[in-house]
Amino acid sequence: MDMHTGEFELRFPLSQVSTIAEHAMAATEHSWPTWDDNKPNPIPPALAWAKDQGTYLLSNGVPRLLADPAKPDGSSQVVYALGYDSYFNFTDTAVGGDDFVEYISLTDEQDGVTLIELIRHHAAHGGFLLLNVFPGGTYYLSFSSAASPFNK
């Protein structure tokens, strides 16, 4: 598939995603953009999907999960999409050229299962969180692992 048309897939290692997801779940406070007019109340634990120089996920837990705990003013711990940890020109892809942040709730349910439950289930078997982006800004999440189907 030509990556410059149609669906664009980003792969995030679940061994790393689970660390930031668990941080968000354990936090007693959560950040959310002040400019968001549809801010949920209360603010849920979430993964923040960002794109600037590279594209990555991070926890919205407060206080932040630091990349280096010895540097309190340093960077947050992030999980880059495989192959997109430095500058990549996303302009002609479904991800688009502008920088952004999108919050993905860990507690929203789909078919009675939360995202955090799916992350825990699939992380135990390795694999990846797949973020499939479509032109126009729509996306969906799926998983690639050796885990058996999720049965609640």
N, C-alpha and C. Protein backbone atom coordinates (compact mmCIF):
# COMPACT_ATOMS: atom_id res chain seq x y z
N MET A 1 0.84 -1.19 0.00
CA MET A 1 0.00 0.00 0.00
C MET A 1 0.88 1.24 0.00
N ASP A 2 0.56 2.19 -0.82
CA ASP A 2 1.26 3.47 -0.84
C ASP A 2 0.88 4.23 0.43
N MET A 3 1.89 4.57 1.26
CA MET A 3 1.58 5.19 2.54
C MET A 3 1.08 6.62 2.39
N HIS A 4 1.11 7.17 1.21
CA HIS A 4 0.65 8.54 1.02
C HIS A 4 -0.81 8.62 0.58
N THR A 5 -1.51 7.51 0.55
CA THR A 5 -2.93 7.54 0.21
C THR A 5 -3.67 6.61 1.17
N GLY A 6 -4.90 6.92 1.43
CA GLY A 6 -5.74 6.05 2.25
C GLY A 6 -5.26 5.93 3.69
N GLU A 7 -5.45 4.76 4.25
CA GLU A 7 -5.14 4.48 5.64
C GLU A 7 -3.64 4.56 5.91
N PHE A 8 -3.30 5.08 7.08
CA PHE A 8 -1.90 5.20 7.51
C PHE A 8 -1.82 4.53 8.87
N GLU A 9 -0.97 3.50 9.00
CA GLU A 9 -0.90 2.73 10.25
C GLU A 9 0.33 3.10 11.05
N LEU A 10 0.12 3.35 12.34
CA LEU A 10 1.19 3.60 13.29
C LEU A 10 1.21 2.46 14.29
N ARG A 11 2.42 1.96 14.61
CA ARG A 11 2.59 0.81 15.52
C ARG A 11 3.34 1.26 16.77
N PHE A 12 2.72 1.05 17.93
CA PHE A 12 3.32 1.41 19.22
C PHE A 12 3.55 0.13 20.02
N PRO A 13 4.77 -0.12 20.50
CA PRO A 13 5.06 -1.34 21.28
C PRO A 13 4.28 -1.35 22.60
N LEU A 14 3.48 -2.38 22.80
CA LEU A 14 2.67 -2.47 24.02
C LEU A 14 3.51 -2.59 25.28
N SER A 15 4.72 -3.13 25.18
CA SER A 15 5.58 -3.22 26.36
C SER A 15 5.87 -1.82 26.91
N GLN A 16 5.88 -0.82 26.06
CA GLN A 16 6.11 0.57 26.49
C GLN A 16 4.80 1.30 26.74
N VAL A 17 3.79 1.05 25.92
CA VAL A 17 2.49 1.71 26.07
C VAL A 17 1.88 1.37 27.42
N SER A 18 2.05 0.13 27.88
CA SER A 18 1.44 -0.27 29.15
C SER A 18 1.99 0.56 30.31
N THR A 19 3.25 0.96 30.26
CA THR A 19 3.84 1.79 31.33
C THR A 19 3.15 3.13 31.42
N ILE A 20 2.97 3.80 30.29
CA ILE A 20 2.33 5.12 30.34
C ILE A 20 0.83 5.00 30.62
N ALA A 21 0.20 3.94 30.15
CA ALA A 21 -1.22 3.73 30.42
C ALA A 21 -1.46 3.48 31.91
N GLU A 22 -0.61 2.68 32.52
CA GLU A 22 -0.76 2.40 33.96
C GLU A 22 -0.48 3.67 34.78
N HIS A 23 0.44 4.52 34.33
CA HIS A 23 0.66 5.79 35.01
C HIS A 23 -0.61 6.62 34.99
N ALA A 24 -1.25 6.72 33.84
CA ALA A 24 -2.49 7.49 33.74
C ALA A 24 -3.57 6.91 34.64
N MET A 25 -3.68 5.60 34.67
CA MET A 25 -4.71 4.95 35.49
C MET A 25 -4.47 5.19 36.98
N ALA A 26 -3.21 5.21 37.42
CA ALA A 26 -2.88 5.35 38.84
C ALA A 26 -2.95 6.81 39.31
N ALA A 27 -2.87 7.75 38.40
CA ALA A 27 -2.87 9.17 38.78
C ALA A 27 -4.22 9.58 39.35
N THR A 28 -4.19 10.49 40.31
CA THR A 28 -5.44 10.99 40.90
C THR A 28 -5.95 12.24 40.18
N GLU A 29 -5.10 12.86 39.37
CA GLU A 29 -5.49 14.00 38.54
C GLU A 29 -5.05 13.75 37.11
N HIS A 30 -5.75 14.41 36.17
CA HIS A 30 -5.45 14.22 34.75
C HIS A 30 -5.53 15.54 34.01
N SER A 31 -4.61 15.72 33.07
CA SER A 31 -4.59 16.95 32.28
C SER A 31 -5.52 16.80 31.07
N TRP A 32 -5.94 17.95 30.56
CA TRP A 32 -6.75 18.01 29.34
C TRP A 32 -6.53 19.40 28.76
N PRO A 33 -6.52 19.56 27.46
CA PRO A 33 -6.24 20.89 26.90
C PRO A 33 -7.25 21.94 27.37
N THR A 34 -6.74 23.10 27.76
CA THR A 34 -7.63 24.17 28.23
C THR A 34 -8.50 24.71 27.10
N TRP A 35 -8.04 24.58 25.86
CA TRP A 35 -8.79 25.11 24.73
C TRP A 35 -9.93 24.20 24.28
N ASP A 36 -10.04 23.01 24.87
CA ASP A 36 -11.08 22.06 24.45
C ASP A 36 -12.42 22.45 25.06
N ASP A 37 -13.35 22.89 24.22
CA ASP A 37 -14.67 23.32 24.69
C ASP A 37 -15.54 22.15 25.14
N ASN A 38 -15.18 20.92 24.75
CA ASN A 38 -15.95 19.74 25.13
C ASN A 38 -15.21 18.91 26.18
N LYS A 39 -14.51 19.58 27.09
CA LYS A 39 -13.71 18.91 28.10
C LYS A 39 -14.63 18.05 28.98
N PRO A 40 -14.30 16.75 29.13
CA PRO A 40 -15.13 15.90 29.98
C PRO A 40 -14.97 16.27 31.45
N ASN A 41 -16.00 16.00 32.22
CA ASN A 41 -15.95 16.24 33.65
C ASN A 41 -16.54 15.04 34.37
N PRO A 42 -15.78 14.27 35.10
CA PRO A 42 -14.36 14.47 35.39
C PRO A 42 -13.49 14.08 34.20
N ILE A 43 -12.25 14.56 34.23
CA ILE A 43 -11.30 14.24 33.17
C ILE A 43 -10.82 12.80 33.38
N PRO A 44 -10.97 11.96 32.36
CA PRO A 44 -10.59 10.55 32.51
C PRO A 44 -9.09 10.33 32.31
N PRO A 45 -8.58 9.21 32.83
CA PRO A 45 -7.22 8.82 32.46
C PRO A 45 -7.19 8.54 30.96
N ALA A 46 -6.14 9.02 30.30
CA ALA A 46 -6.09 8.91 28.84
C ALA A 46 -4.66 8.81 28.35
N LEU A 47 -4.55 8.33 27.12
CA LEU A 47 -3.31 8.44 26.37
C LEU A 47 -3.45 9.70 25.51
N ALA A 48 -2.43 10.52 25.51
CA ALA A 48 -2.41 11.67 24.62
C ALA A 48 -1.58 11.27 23.41
N TRP A 49 -2.19 11.33 22.23
CA TRP A 49 -1.49 11.05 20.98
C TRP A 49 -1.08 12.40 20.40
N ALA A 50 0.22 12.61 20.26
CA ALA A 50 0.72 13.89 19.77
C ALA A 50 1.56 13.70 18.51
N LYS A 51 1.61 14.76 17.72
CA LYS A 51 2.48 14.78 16.56
C LYS A 51 3.13 16.15 16.49
N ASP A 52 4.43 16.14 16.51
CA ASP A 52 5.22 17.34 16.21
C ASP A 52 6.43 16.85 15.44
N GLN A 53 7.58 16.71 16.09
CA GLN A 53 8.72 16.07 15.41
C GLN A 53 8.67 14.61 15.79
N GLY A 54 7.98 13.83 14.99
CA GLY A 54 7.66 12.44 15.30
C GLY A 54 6.23 12.37 15.79
N THR A 55 5.77 11.17 16.07
CA THR A 55 4.44 11.01 16.65
C THR A 55 4.54 10.00 17.77
N TYR A 56 3.82 10.26 18.86
CA TYR A 56 4.02 9.49 20.08
C TYR A 56 2.78 9.53 20.98
N LEU A 57 2.81 8.66 21.97
CA LEU A 57 1.79 8.61 23.02
C LEU A 57 2.44 8.99 24.34
N LEU A 58 1.65 9.63 25.22
CA LEU A 58 2.10 9.90 26.57
C LEU A 58 0.90 9.89 27.50
N SER A 59 1.16 9.78 28.79
CA SER A 59 0.12 9.74 29.81
C SER A 59 -0.41 11.15 30.07
N ASN A 60 -1.71 11.25 30.40
CA ASN A 60 -2.25 12.54 30.83
C ASN A 60 -2.31 12.63 32.35
N GLY A 61 -1.66 11.69 33.05
CA GLY A 61 -1.64 11.71 34.50
C GLY A 61 -0.84 12.87 35.05
N VAL A 62 -1.33 13.41 36.19
CA VAL A 62 -0.66 14.50 36.89
C VAL A 62 -0.31 14.01 38.28
N PRO A 63 0.96 14.13 38.72
CA PRO A 63 2.08 14.75 38.01
C PRO A 63 2.53 13.91 36.82
N ARG A 64 3.26 14.55 35.90
CA ARG A 64 3.71 13.90 34.68
C ARG A 64 4.62 12.72 34.98
N LEU A 65 4.62 11.76 34.07
CA LEU A 65 5.59 10.66 34.09
C LEU A 65 6.82 11.18 33.34
N LEU A 66 7.91 11.37 34.06
CA LEU A 66 9.10 11.96 33.48
C LEU A 66 9.97 10.92 32.79
N ALA A 67 10.60 11.33 31.71
CA ALA A 67 11.56 10.46 31.02
C ALA A 67 12.75 10.19 31.92
N ASP A 68 13.16 11.21 32.68
CA ASP A 68 14.26 11.08 33.64
C ASP A 68 13.79 11.69 34.96
N PRO A 69 13.42 10.86 35.94
CA PRO A 69 12.91 11.38 37.22
C PRO A 69 13.88 12.33 37.92
N ALA A 70 15.16 12.28 37.61
CA ALA A 70 16.13 13.19 38.22
C ALA A 70 16.05 14.60 37.62
N LYS A 71 15.28 14.77 36.57
CA LYS A 71 15.13 16.08 35.91
C LYS A 71 13.67 16.50 35.94
N PRO A 72 13.21 17.11 37.05
CA PRO A 72 11.79 17.46 37.18
C PRO A 72 11.28 18.46 36.14
N ASP A 73 12.18 19.21 35.51
CA ASP A 73 11.77 20.14 34.45
C ASP A 73 12.00 19.55 33.07
N GLY A 74 12.36 18.27 33.02
CA GLY A 74 12.67 17.61 31.76
C GLY A 74 11.43 17.15 31.01
N SER A 75 11.67 16.35 30.01
CA SER A 75 10.61 15.85 29.12
C SER A 75 9.77 14.78 29.79
N SER A 76 8.55 14.64 29.31
CA SER A 76 7.69 13.54 29.73
C SER A 76 8.15 12.26 29.04
N GLN A 77 7.88 11.13 29.67
CA GLN A 77 8.15 9.85 29.02
C GLN A 77 7.14 9.66 27.91
N VAL A 78 7.62 9.31 26.74
CA VAL A 78 6.75 9.11 25.58
C VAL A 78 7.06 7.76 24.94
N VAL A 79 6.11 7.28 24.15
CA VAL A 79 6.31 6.07 23.35
C VAL A 79 6.09 6.48 21.89
N TYR A 80 7.18 6.46 21.13
CA TYR A 80 7.09 6.82 19.72
C TYR A 80 6.52 5.67 18.90
N ALA A 81 5.79 6.02 17.85
CA ALA A 81 5.40 5.02 16.86
C ALA A 81 6.68 4.50 16.22
N LEU A 82 6.74 3.20 15.98
CA LEU A 82 7.94 2.61 15.38
C LEU A 82 8.27 3.31 14.06
N GLY A 83 9.50 3.79 13.98
CA GLY A 83 9.97 4.45 12.77
C GLY A 83 9.66 5.93 12.70
N TYR A 84 9.00 6.49 13.71
CA TYR A 84 8.59 7.90 13.67
C TYR A 84 9.03 8.64 14.92
N ASP A 85 10.29 8.39 15.35
CA ASP A 85 10.79 9.03 16.56
C ASP A 85 11.58 10.30 16.26
N SER A 86 11.65 10.69 15.05
CA SER A 86 12.29 11.95 14.69
C SER A 86 11.46 12.59 13.58
N TYR A 87 11.96 13.65 13.03
CA TYR A 87 11.17 14.37 12.03
C TYR A 87 10.82 13.47 10.84
N PHE A 88 9.55 13.48 10.50
CA PHE A 88 9.04 12.79 9.32
C PHE A 88 7.99 13.71 8.73
N ASN A 89 7.97 13.87 7.45
CA ASN A 89 7.00 14.76 6.82
C ASN A 89 5.69 14.01 6.63
N PHE A 90 4.74 14.27 7.52
CA PHE A 90 3.43 13.62 7.48
C PHE A 90 2.46 14.34 6.55
N THR A 91 2.88 15.41 5.89
CA THR A 91 1.98 16.26 5.13
C THR A 91 1.10 15.50 4.15
N ASP A 92 1.67 14.58 3.40
CA ASP A 92 0.89 13.86 2.38
C ASP A 92 0.34 12.54 2.88
N THR A 93 0.17 12.41 4.19
CA THR A 93 -0.41 11.20 4.78
C THR A 93 -1.73 11.55 5.45
N ALA A 94 -2.46 10.56 5.86
CA ALA A 94 -3.73 10.78 6.56
C ALA A 94 -3.51 11.46 7.91
N VAL A 95 -2.28 11.39 8.48
CA VAL A 95 -1.99 12.05 9.75
C VAL A 95 -1.96 13.57 9.57
N GLY A 96 -1.58 14.05 8.40
CA GLY A 96 -1.58 15.47 8.11
C GLY A 96 -0.30 16.16 8.51
N GLY A 97 -0.17 17.43 8.12
CA GLY A 97 1.05 18.17 8.34
C GLY A 97 1.09 19.00 9.61
N ASP A 98 -0.07 19.34 10.19
CA ASP A 98 -0.10 20.20 11.37
C ASP A 98 0.19 19.41 12.63
N ASP A 99 0.81 20.07 13.61
CA ASP A 99 1.02 19.47 14.92
C ASP A 99 -0.32 19.39 15.64
N PHE A 100 -0.48 18.37 16.49
CA PHE A 100 -1.75 18.20 17.21
C PHE A 100 -1.55 17.34 18.43
N VAL A 101 -2.58 17.30 19.27
CA VAL A 101 -2.68 16.33 20.36
C VAL A 101 -4.13 15.87 20.41
N GLU A 102 -4.32 14.58 20.53
CA GLU A 102 -5.64 13.95 20.60
C GLU A 102 -5.65 13.08 21.85
N TYR A 103 -6.67 13.23 22.69
CA TYR A 103 -6.76 12.46 23.92
C TYR A 103 -7.65 11.24 23.71
N ILE A 104 -7.15 10.07 24.12
CA ILE A 104 -7.84 8.80 23.92
C ILE A 104 -8.10 8.19 25.30
N SER A 105 -9.35 8.22 25.74
CA SER A 105 -9.70 7.76 27.08
C SER A 105 -9.40 6.29 27.26
N LEU A 106 -8.81 5.97 28.40
CA LEU A 106 -8.51 4.57 28.73
C LEU A 106 -9.70 3.86 29.34
N THR A 107 -10.73 4.61 29.73
CA THR A 107 -11.87 4.01 30.43
C THR A 107 -13.14 3.93 29.60
N ASP A 108 -13.14 4.51 28.40
CA ASP A 108 -14.31 4.36 27.53
C ASP A 108 -14.46 2.90 27.15
N GLU A 109 -15.70 2.45 27.08
CA GLU A 109 -15.97 1.05 26.75
C GLU A 109 -16.41 0.89 25.31
N GLN A 110 -15.96 -0.19 24.73
CA GLN A 110 -16.45 -0.62 23.43
C GLN A 110 -16.77 -2.09 23.56
N ASP A 111 -18.01 -2.45 23.34
CA ASP A 111 -18.48 -3.82 23.51
C ASP A 111 -18.20 -4.32 24.93
N GLY A 112 -18.33 -3.42 25.92
CA GLY A 112 -18.17 -3.79 27.31
C GLY A 112 -16.75 -3.95 27.80
N VAL A 113 -15.78 -3.55 26.99
CA VAL A 113 -14.36 -3.69 27.34
C VAL A 113 -13.70 -2.32 27.22
N THR A 114 -12.92 -1.94 28.23
CA THR A 114 -12.22 -0.66 28.19
C THR A 114 -10.88 -0.80 27.47
N LEU A 115 -10.36 0.35 27.04
CA LEU A 115 -9.06 0.34 26.37
C LEU A 115 -7.97 -0.16 27.31
N ILE A 116 -8.01 0.23 28.59
CA ILE A 116 -6.97 -0.23 29.51
C ILE A 116 -7.03 -1.75 29.68
N GLU A 117 -8.22 -2.34 29.68
CA GLU A 117 -8.31 -3.80 29.76
C GLU A 117 -7.69 -4.46 28.53
N LEU A 118 -7.93 -3.89 27.36
CA LEU A 118 -7.35 -4.43 26.13
C LEU A 118 -5.83 -4.28 26.13
N ILE A 119 -5.33 -3.14 26.59
CA ILE A 119 -3.88 -2.94 26.66
C ILE A 119 -3.26 -3.98 27.58
N ARG A 120 -3.84 -4.17 28.76
CA ARG A 120 -3.30 -5.16 29.71
C ARG A 120 -3.33 -6.56 29.12
N HIS A 121 -4.41 -6.91 28.48
CA HIS A 121 -4.59 -8.25 27.89
C HIS A 121 -3.53 -8.51 26.81
N HIS A 122 -3.38 -7.57 25.90
CA HIS A 122 -2.45 -7.77 24.78
C HIS A 122 -0.99 -7.53 25.16
N ALA A 123 -0.73 -6.65 26.13
CA ALA A 123 0.65 -6.38 26.55
C ALA A 123 1.28 -7.63 27.17
N ALA A 124 0.47 -8.45 27.82
CA ALA A 124 0.98 -9.68 28.43
C ALA A 124 1.49 -10.66 27.39
N HIS A 125 1.15 -10.44 26.12
CA HIS A 125 1.54 -11.33 25.04
C HIS A 125 2.41 -10.63 23.99
N GLY A 126 2.97 -9.49 24.37
CA GLY A 126 3.79 -8.74 23.41
C GLY A 126 2.89 -8.08 22.38
N GLY A 127 3.47 -7.63 21.34
CA GLY A 127 2.68 -7.06 20.25
C GLY A 127 2.61 -5.55 20.30
N PHE A 128 1.63 -5.03 19.57
CA PHE A 128 1.56 -3.60 19.31
C PHE A 128 0.14 -3.07 19.43
N LEU A 129 0.06 -1.80 19.81
CA LEU A 129 -1.15 -1.03 19.68
C LEU A 129 -1.07 -0.42 18.28
N LEU A 130 -2.07 -0.64 17.48
CA LEU A 130 -2.10 -0.11 16.11
C LEU A 130 -3.06 1.06 16.07
N LEU A 131 -2.59 2.16 15.54
CA LEU A 131 -3.42 3.34 15.37
C LEU A 131 -3.55 3.54 13.87
N ASN A 132 -4.73 3.28 13.36
CA ASN A 132 -4.99 3.38 11.93
C ASN A 132 -5.70 4.70 11.67
N VAL A 133 -5.06 5.56 10.87
CA VAL A 133 -5.55 6.91 10.60
C VAL A 133 -6.05 6.97 9.17
N PHE A 134 -7.18 7.63 8.99
CA PHE A 134 -7.79 7.77 7.67
C PHE A 134 -7.82 9.23 7.25
N PRO A 135 -7.83 9.51 5.96
CA PRO A 135 -7.93 10.90 5.50
C PRO A 135 -9.14 11.58 6.15
N GLY A 136 -8.95 12.82 6.51
CA GLY A 136 -10.02 13.56 7.17
C GLY A 136 -9.92 13.53 8.68
N GLY A 137 -8.93 12.78 9.22
CA GLY A 137 -8.69 12.82 10.65
C GLY A 137 -9.36 11.75 11.49
N THR A 138 -10.08 10.81 10.87
CA THR A 138 -10.66 9.74 11.67
C THR A 138 -9.60 8.66 11.91
N TYR A 139 -9.76 7.94 13.01
CA TYR A 139 -8.81 6.88 13.34
C TYR A 139 -9.51 5.81 14.16
N TYR A 140 -8.89 4.64 14.22
CA TYR A 140 -9.34 3.60 15.13
C TYR A 140 -8.14 2.87 15.68
N LEU A 141 -8.33 2.24 16.83
CA LEU A 141 -7.28 1.49 17.50
C LEU A 141 -7.56 0.00 17.36
N SER A 142 -6.49 -0.77 17.22
CA SER A 142 -6.59 -2.22 17.24
C SER A 142 -5.29 -2.75 17.83
N PHE A 143 -5.19 -4.07 17.92
CA PHE A 143 -4.04 -4.69 18.56
C PHE A 143 -3.50 -5.81 17.69
N SER A 144 -2.18 -6.00 17.79
CA SER A 144 -1.51 -7.10 17.13
C SER A 144 -0.70 -7.81 18.20
N SER A 145 -1.11 -9.02 18.54
CA SER A 145 -0.36 -9.81 19.53
C SER A 145 -0.74 -11.27 19.39
N ALA A 146 -0.06 -12.10 20.15
CA ALA A 146 -0.36 -13.52 20.15
C ALA A 146 -1.43 -13.87 21.17
N ALA A 147 -2.08 -12.86 21.74
CA ALA A 147 -3.10 -13.11 22.76
C ALA A 147 -4.33 -13.76 22.16
N SER A 148 -4.99 -14.56 22.96
CA SER A 148 -6.28 -15.12 22.53
C SER A 148 -7.30 -14.00 22.52
N PRO A 149 -8.43 -14.18 21.84
CA PRO A 149 -9.45 -13.15 21.83
C PRO A 149 -9.88 -12.78 23.25
N PHE A 150 -10.23 -11.52 23.43
CA PHE A 150 -10.64 -11.03 24.75
C PHE A 150 -12.05 -11.51 25.05
N ASN A 151 -12.21 -12.25 26.11
CA ASN A 151 -13.53 -12.68 26.57
C ASN A 151 -13.73 -12.20 27.97
N LYS A 152 -14.78 -11.47 28.19
CA LYS A 152 -15.06 -10.93 29.51
C LYS A 152 -15.89 -11.86 30.33
